[in-house]
Amino acid sequence: MIAVDRGSGEKLYTLVFKDSAEDRYIVTLRDDDGETFQIDIPRGTTVKRSLQAKWESPQSPTPHSQS
């Protein structure tokens, strides 16, 4: 999932495909309605991201505790 602001605030989209060119990334995203679109992201663009490892999530196949 990637959050993108297309003019009406950030919304989450599903990453469908990414390709890299010499100076940019070409990313294909899909919204909840199934519409796909591409965005170009220049290399070096600052992005915000938040990752959660599977073992840290409720999907984890093994029990764990947060310290």
PDB file of N, CA and C in Angstrom:
ATOM      1  N   MET A   1       0.846  -1.172   0.000  1.00  0.00           N
ATOM      2  CA  MET A   1       0.000   0.000   0.000  1.00  0.00           C
ATOM      3  C   MET A   1       0.891   1.234   0.000  1.00  0.00           C
ATOM      4  N   ILE A   2       0.474   2.211  -0.767  1.00  0.00           N
ATOM      5  CA  ILE A   2       1.193   3.473  -0.850  1.00  0.00           C
ATOM      6  C   ILE A   2       0.176   4.602  -0.699  1.00  0.00           C
ATOM      7  N   ALA A   3       0.515   5.589   0.121  1.00  0.00           N
ATOM      8  CA  ALA A   3      -0.343   6.765   0.266  1.00  0.00           C
ATOM      9  C   ALA A   3       0.099   7.816  -0.743  1.00  0.00           C
ATOM     10  N   VAL A   4      -0.870   8.314  -1.524  1.00  0.00           N
ATOM     11  CA  VAL A   4      -0.596   9.316  -2.548  1.00  0.00           C
ATOM     12  C   VAL A   4      -1.657  10.407  -2.445  1.00  0.00           C
ATOM     13  N   ASP A   5      -1.229  11.639  -2.582  1.00  0.00           N
ATOM     14  CA  ASP A   5      -2.166  12.758  -2.606  1.00  0.00           C
ATOM     15  C   ASP A   5      -2.388  13.155  -4.066  1.00  0.00           C
ATOM     16  N   ARG A   6      -3.587  12.882  -4.572  1.00  0.00           N
ATOM     17  CA  ARG A   6      -3.925  13.229  -5.959  1.00  0.00           C
ATOM     18  C   ARG A   6      -4.759  14.500  -6.017  1.00  0.00           C
ATOM     19  N   GLY A   7      -4.634  15.340  -4.984  1.00  0.00           N
ATOM     20  CA  GLY A   7      -5.336  16.617  -4.985  1.00  0.00           C
ATOM     21  C   GLY A   7      -6.407  16.745  -3.927  1.00  0.00           C
ATOM     22  N   SER A   8      -6.827  15.640  -3.326  1.00  0.00           N
ATOM     23  CA  SER A   8      -7.883  15.709  -2.305  1.00  0.00           C
ATOM     24  C   SER A   8      -7.431  15.061  -0.996  1.00  0.00           C
ATOM     25  N   GLY A   9      -6.136  15.116  -0.723  1.00  0.00           N
ATOM     26  CA  GLY A   9      -5.604  14.512   0.501  1.00  0.00           C
ATOM     27  C   GLY A   9      -5.046  13.130   0.220  1.00  0.00           C
ATOM     28  N   GLU A  10      -4.241  12.651   1.156  1.00  0.00           N
ATOM     29  CA  GLU A  10      -3.628  11.331   0.976  1.00  0.00           C
ATOM     30  C   GLU A  10      -4.670  10.213   1.053  1.00  0.00           C
ATOM     31  N   LYS A  11      -4.513   9.250   0.164  1.00  0.00           N
ATOM     32  CA  LYS A  11      -5.374   8.069   0.124  1.00  0.00           C
ATOM     33  C   LYS A  11      -4.473   6.873  -0.152  1.00  0.00           C
ATOM     34  N   LEU A  12      -4.812   5.722   0.393  1.00  0.00           N
ATOM     35  CA  LEU A  12      -4.015   4.526   0.183  1.00  0.00           C
ATOM     36  C   LEU A  12      -4.377   3.834  -1.126  1.00  0.00           C
ATOM     37  N   TYR A  13      -3.341   3.401  -1.844  1.00  0.00           N
ATOM     38  CA  TYR A  13      -3.500   2.670  -3.100  1.00  0.00           C
ATOM     39  C   TYR A  13      -2.645   1.421  -3.049  1.00  0.00           C
ATOM     40  N   THR A  14      -3.070   0.397  -3.774  1.00  0.00           N
ATOM     41  CA  THR A  14      -2.321  -0.852  -3.855  1.00  0.00           C
ATOM     42  C   THR A  14      -1.284  -0.749  -4.958  1.00  0.00           C
ATOM     43  N   LEU A  15      -0.059  -1.123  -4.646  1.00  0.00           N
ATOM     44  CA  LEU A  15       1.010  -1.138  -5.634  1.00  0.00           C
ATOM     45  C   LEU A  15       0.795  -2.332  -6.558  1.00  0.00           C
ATOM     46  N   VAL A  16       0.690  -2.080  -7.853  1.00  0.00           N
ATOM     47  CA  VAL A  16       0.471  -3.134  -8.839  1.00  0.00           C
ATOM     48  C   VAL A  16       1.776  -3.495  -9.546  1.00  0.00           C
ATOM     49  N   PHE A  17       2.553  -2.470  -9.909  1.00  0.00           N
ATOM     50  CA  PHE A  17       3.784  -2.702 -10.672  1.00  0.00           C
ATOM     51  C   PHE A  17       4.698  -1.508 -10.500  1.00  0.00           C
ATOM     52  N   LYS A  18       6.003  -1.760 -10.490  1.00  0.00           N
ATOM     53  CA  LYS A  18       6.956  -0.653 -10.499  1.00  0.00           C
ATOM     54  C   LYS A  18       8.075  -0.971 -11.472  1.00  0.00           C
ATOM     55  N   ASP A  19       8.560   0.073 -12.098  1.00  0.00           N
ATOM     56  CA  ASP A  19       9.657  -0.051 -13.042  1.00  0.00           C
ATOM     57  C   ASP A  19      10.598   1.106 -12.768  1.00  0.00           C
ATOM     58  N   SER A  20      11.862   0.914 -13.034  1.00  0.00           N
ATOM     59  CA  SER A  20      12.798   2.009 -12.802  1.00  0.00           C
ATOM     60  C   SER A  20      13.462   2.399 -14.108  1.00  0.00           C
ATOM     61  N   ALA A  21      13.537   3.684 -14.293  1.00  0.00           N
ATOM     62  CA  ALA A  21      14.285   4.257 -15.412  1.00  0.00           C
ATOM     63  C   ALA A  21      15.532   4.893 -14.813  1.00  0.00           C
ATOM     64  N   GLU A  22      16.352   5.466 -15.650  1.00  0.00           N
ATOM     65  CA  GLU A  22      17.614   6.035 -15.167  1.00  0.00           C
ATOM     66  C   GLU A  22      17.402   7.130 -14.125  1.00  0.00           C
ATOM     67  N   ASP A  23      16.380   7.945 -14.313  1.00  0.00           N
ATOM     68  CA  ASP A  23      16.199   9.097 -13.435  1.00  0.00           C
ATOM     69  C   ASP A  23      14.892   9.104 -12.651  1.00  0.00           C
ATOM     70  N   ARG A  24      14.098   8.032 -12.744  1.00  0.00           N
ATOM     71  CA  ARG A  24      12.798   8.022 -12.065  1.00  0.00           C
ATOM     72  C   ARG A  24      12.281   6.600 -11.880  1.00  0.00           C
ATOM     73  N   TYR A  25      11.252   6.483 -11.042  1.00  0.00           N
ATOM     74  CA  TYR A  25      10.507   5.239 -10.879  1.00  0.00           C
ATOM     75  C   TYR A  25       9.134   5.449 -11.492  1.00  0.00           C
ATOM     76  N   ILE A  26       8.651   4.483 -12.224  1.00  0.00           N
ATOM     77  CA  ILE A  26       7.308   4.522 -12.792  1.00  0.00           C
ATOM     78  C   ILE A  26       6.499   3.495 -12.009  1.00  0.00           C
ATOM     79  N   VAL A  27       5.474   3.970 -11.306  1.00  0.00           N
ATOM     80  CA  VAL A  27       4.722   3.129 -10.384  1.00  0.00           C
ATOM     81  C   VAL A  27       3.270   3.054 -10.849  1.00  0.00           C
ATOM     82  N   THR A  28       2.737   1.836 -10.941  1.00  0.00           N
ATOM     83  CA  THR A  28       1.326   1.637 -11.267  1.00  0.00           C
ATOM     84  C   THR A  28       0.593   1.292  -9.982  1.00  0.00           C
ATOM     85  N   LEU A  29      -0.468   2.036  -9.696  1.00  0.00           N
ATOM     86  CA  LEU A  29      -1.251   1.865  -8.482  1.00  0.00           C
ATOM     87  C   LEU A  29      -2.701   1.566  -8.829  1.00  0.00           C
ATOM     88  N   ARG A  30      -3.422   0.941  -7.890  1.00  0.00           N
ATOM     89  CA  ARG A  30      -4.848   0.618  -8.078  1.00  0.00           C
ATOM     90  C   ARG A  30      -5.628   1.109  -6.866  1.00  0.00           C
ATOM     91  N   ASP A  31      -6.780   1.723  -7.118  1.00  0.00           N
ATOM     92  CA  ASP A  31      -7.627   2.160  -6.004  1.00  0.00           C
ATOM     93  C   ASP A  31      -8.649   1.084  -5.645  1.00  0.00           C
ATOM     94  N   ASP A  32      -9.483   1.362  -4.661  1.00  0.00           N
ATOM     95  CA  ASP A  32     -10.470   0.385  -4.184  1.00  0.00           C
ATOM     96  C   ASP A  32     -11.502   0.014  -5.243  1.00  0.00           C
ATOM     97  N   ASP A  33     -11.722   0.894  -6.224  1.00  0.00           N
ATOM     98  CA  ASP A  33     -12.692   0.635  -7.286  1.00  0.00           C
ATOM     99  C   ASP A  33     -12.095  -0.132  -8.458  1.00  0.00           C
ATOM    100  N   GLY A  34     -10.796  -0.450  -8.385  1.00  0.00           N
ATOM    101  CA  GLY A  34     -10.140  -1.193  -9.454  1.00  0.00           C
ATOM    102  C   GLY A  34      -9.497  -0.320 -10.512  1.00  0.00           C
ATOM    103  N   GLU A  35      -9.636   1.007 -10.397  1.00  0.00           N
ATOM    104  CA  GLU A  35      -9.009   1.918 -11.354  1.00  0.00           C
ATOM    105  C   GLU A  35      -7.496   1.901 -11.136  1.00  0.00           C
ATOM    106  N   THR A  36      -6.752   1.798 -12.233  1.00  0.00           N
ATOM    107  CA  THR A  36      -5.295   1.856 -12.131  1.00  0.00           C
ATOM    108  C   THR A  36      -4.793   3.146 -12.761  1.00  0.00           C
ATOM    109  N   PHE A  37      -3.663   3.610 -12.271  1.00  0.00           N
ATOM    110  CA  PHE A  37      -3.028   4.799 -12.811  1.00  0.00           C
ATOM    111  C   PHE A  37      -1.536   4.710 -12.527  1.00  0.00           C
ATOM    112  N   GLN A  38      -0.767   5.484 -13.274  1.00  0.00           N
ATOM    113  CA  GLN A  38       0.684   5.501 -13.100  1.00  0.00           C
ATOM    114  C   GLN A  38       1.131   6.857 -12.584  1.00  0.00           C
ATOM    115  N   ILE A  39       2.177   6.815 -11.767  1.00  0.00           N
ATOM    116  CA  ILE A  39       2.824   8.041 -11.346  1.00  0.00           C
ATOM    117  C   ILE A  39       4.324   7.899 -11.587  1.00  0.00           C
ATOM    118  N   ASP A  40       4.967   8.996 -11.900  1.00  0.00           N
ATOM    119  CA  ASP A  40       6.421   9.047 -12.040  1.00  0.00           C
ATOM    120  C   ASP A  40       6.982   9.672 -10.773  1.00  0.00           C
ATOM    121  N   ILE A  41       7.950   9.014 -10.188  1.00  0.00           N
ATOM    122  CA  ILE A  41       8.598   9.531  -8.987  1.00  0.00           C
ATOM    123  C   ILE A  41      10.071   9.724  -9.311  1.00  0.00           C
ATOM    124  N   PRO A  42      10.539  10.970  -9.351  1.00  0.00           N
ATOM    125  CA  PRO A  42      11.955  11.209  -9.644  1.00  0.00           C
ATOM    126  C   PRO A  42      12.852  10.567  -8.580  1.00  0.00           C
ATOM    127  N   ARG A  43      13.962   9.996  -9.014  1.00  0.00           N
ATOM    128  CA  ARG A  43      14.927   9.450  -8.060  1.00  0.00           C
ATOM    129  C   ARG A  43      15.360  10.553  -7.116  1.00  0.00           C
ATOM    130  N   GLY A  44      15.522  10.196  -5.855  1.00  0.00           N
ATOM    131  CA  GLY A  44      15.928  11.165  -4.848  1.00  0.00           C
ATOM    132  C   GLY A  44      14.766  11.854  -4.163  1.00  0.00           C
ATOM    133  N   THR A  45      13.528  11.578  -4.598  1.00  0.00           N
ATOM    134  CA  THR A  45      12.360  12.170  -3.959  1.00  0.00           C
ATOM    135  C   THR A  45      12.243  11.643  -2.536  1.00  0.00           C
ATOM    136  N   THR A  46      12.013  12.548  -1.593  1.00  0.00           N
ATOM    137  CA  THR A  46      11.813  12.148  -0.206  1.00  0.00           C
ATOM    138  C   THR A  46      10.401  11.594  -0.058  1.00  0.00           C
ATOM    139  N   VAL A  47      10.290  10.412   0.528  1.00  0.00           N
ATOM    140  CA  VAL A  47       8.992   9.789   0.747  1.00  0.00           C
ATOM    141  C   VAL A  47       8.843   9.425   2.218  1.00  0.00           C
ATOM    142  N   LYS A  48       7.594   9.339   2.655  1.00  0.00           N
ATOM    143  CA  LYS A  48       7.302   8.861   4.000  1.00  0.00           C
ATOM    144  C   LYS A  48       6.907   7.399   3.868  1.00  0.00           C
ATOM    145  N   ARG A  49       7.392   6.587   4.782  1.00  0.00           N
ATOM    146  CA  ARG A  49       6.967   5.200   4.745  1.00  0.00           C
ATOM    147  C   ARG A  49       6.892   4.668   6.154  1.00  0.00           C
ATOM    148  N   SER A  50       6.065   3.670   6.315  1.00  0.00           N
ATOM    149  CA  SER A  50       5.909   3.016   7.601  1.00  0.00           C
ATOM    150  C   SER A  50       5.744   1.539   7.329  1.00  0.00           C
ATOM    151  N   LEU A  51       6.723   0.770   7.703  1.00  0.00           N
ATOM    152  CA  LEU A  51       6.685  -0.669   7.476  1.00  0.00           C
ATOM    153  C   LEU A  51       6.482  -1.398   8.788  1.00  0.00           C
ATOM    154  N   GLN A  52       5.764  -2.479   8.727  1.00  0.00           N
ATOM    155  CA  GLN A  52       5.592  -3.334   9.887  1.00  0.00           C
ATOM    156  C   GLN A  52       5.926  -4.739   9.433  1.00  0.00           C
ATOM    157  N   ALA A  53       6.923  -5.321  10.037  1.00  0.00           N
ATOM    158  CA  ALA A  53       7.302  -6.682   9.678  1.00  0.00           C
ATOM    159  C   ALA A  53       6.159  -7.628  10.007  1.00  0.00           C
ATOM    160  N   LYS A  54       6.051  -8.698   9.240  1.00  0.00           N
ATOM    161  CA  LYS A  54       4.967  -9.646   9.451  1.00  0.00           C
ATOM    162  C   LYS A  54       4.988 -10.205  10.873  1.00  0.00           C
ATOM    163  N   TRP A  55       6.185 -10.421  11.428  1.00  0.00           N
ATOM    164  CA  TRP A  55       6.245 -10.975  12.780  1.00  0.00           C
ATOM    165  C   TRP A  55       5.727  -9.998  13.818  1.00  0.00           C
ATOM    166  N   GLU A  56       5.660  -8.704  13.470  1.00  0.00           N
ATOM    167  CA  GLU A  56       5.148  -7.696  14.394  1.00  0.00           C
ATOM    168  C   GLU A  56       3.639  -7.505  14.255  1.00  0.00           C
ATOM    169  N   SER A  57       3.046  -8.129  13.275  1.00  0.00           N
ATOM    170  CA  SER A  57       1.634  -7.904  13.001  1.00  0.00           C
ATOM    171  C   SER A  57       0.777  -9.061  13.511  1.00  0.00           C
ATOM    172  N   PRO A  58      -0.532  -8.860  13.550  1.00  0.00           N
ATOM    173  CA  PRO A  58      -1.437  -9.941  13.956  1.00  0.00           C
ATOM    174  C   PRO A  58      -1.379 -11.147  13.011  1.00  0.00           C
ATOM    175  N   GLN A  59      -0.822 -10.986  11.783  1.00  0.00           N
ATOM    176  CA  GLN A  59      -0.720 -12.096  10.835  1.00  0.00           C
ATOM    177  C   GLN A  59       0.407 -13.066  11.189  1.00  0.00           C
ATOM    178  N   SER A  60       1.201 -12.731  12.191  1.00  0.00           N
ATOM    179  CA  SER A  60       2.358 -13.546  12.534  1.00  0.00           C
ATOM    180  C   SER A  60       1.940 -14.977  12.871  1.00  0.00           C
ATOM    181  N   PRO A  61       2.634 -15.978  12.304  1.00  0.00           N
ATOM    182  CA  PRO A  61       2.302 -17.371  12.602  1.00  0.00           C
ATOM    183  C   PRO A  61       2.814 -17.829  13.959  1.00  0.00           C
ATOM    184  N   THR A  62       3.685 -17.049  14.583  1.00  0.00           N
ATOM    185  CA  THR A  62       4.221 -17.424  15.895  1.00  0.00           C
ATOM    186  C   THR A  62       3.895 -16.364  16.923  1.00  0.00           C
ATOM    187  N   PRO A  63       3.627 -16.769  18.159  1.00  0.00           N
ATOM    188  CA  PRO A  63       3.321 -15.794  19.211  1.00  0.00           C
ATOM    189  C   PRO A  63       4.543 -14.923  19.506  1.00  0.00           C
ATOM    190  N   HIS A  64       4.310 -13.694  19.874  1.00  0.00           N
ATOM    191  CA  HIS A  64       5.389 -12.784  20.236  1.00  0.00           C
ATOM    192  C   HIS A  64       4.840 -11.737  21.194  1.00  0.00           C
ATOM    193  N   SER A  65       5.731 -11.044  21.841  1.00  0.00           N
ATOM    194  CA  SER A  65       5.291  -9.965  22.732  1.00  0.00           C
ATOM    195  C   SER A  65       6.105  -8.725  22.427  1.00  0.00           C
ATOM    196  N   GLN A  66       5.488  -7.571  22.598  1.00  0.00           N
ATOM    197  CA  GLN A  66       6.186  -6.313  22.390  1.00  0.00           C
ATOM    198  C   GLN A  66       6.943  -5.962  23.661  1.00  0.00           C
ATOM    199  N   SER A  67       8.176  -5.488  23.550  1.00  0.00           N
ATOM    200  CA  SER A  67       8.961  -5.116  24.724  1.00  0.00           C
ATOM    201  C   SER A  67       8.680  -3.697  25.113  1.00  0.00           C
TER     202      SER A  67
END
